């Protein structure tokens, strides 16, 4: 079941990486005032240097583990339902089954075979 959860939440990692690596100006564009000119206070801040991939990837993996819960804040209940269904199916497939072993059975006696006529 853990493998199923990790497989499902790993699909969030590329989206989180894109969000971490994009500069802040591209993520949230400034609102325009009248006449299509942005107000002076809405100037885009300096996004700073990009986050190195070696730092962004572990952050994205940890955030992906909590992504289903963070989606509830936005009201994304359908994603949580899909994950719950996947975990339920994994639980059903991996349920412990008890089987019975029978045997050993005696080998049947060999039947003599006649040589075919020439």
Foldseek 3Di string as FASTA:
>chain_A
DVVLLLVLLVVQLVVQLVVQQDFPCVVDPADCDPPRHGDPVRDDDDSDDGDDPVVSRVVSSVVSSCVVVVVVVVVPVVSVVVSVVSVVVVCVVPPDDDDDDDDDDDDDDDDDDDDDDD
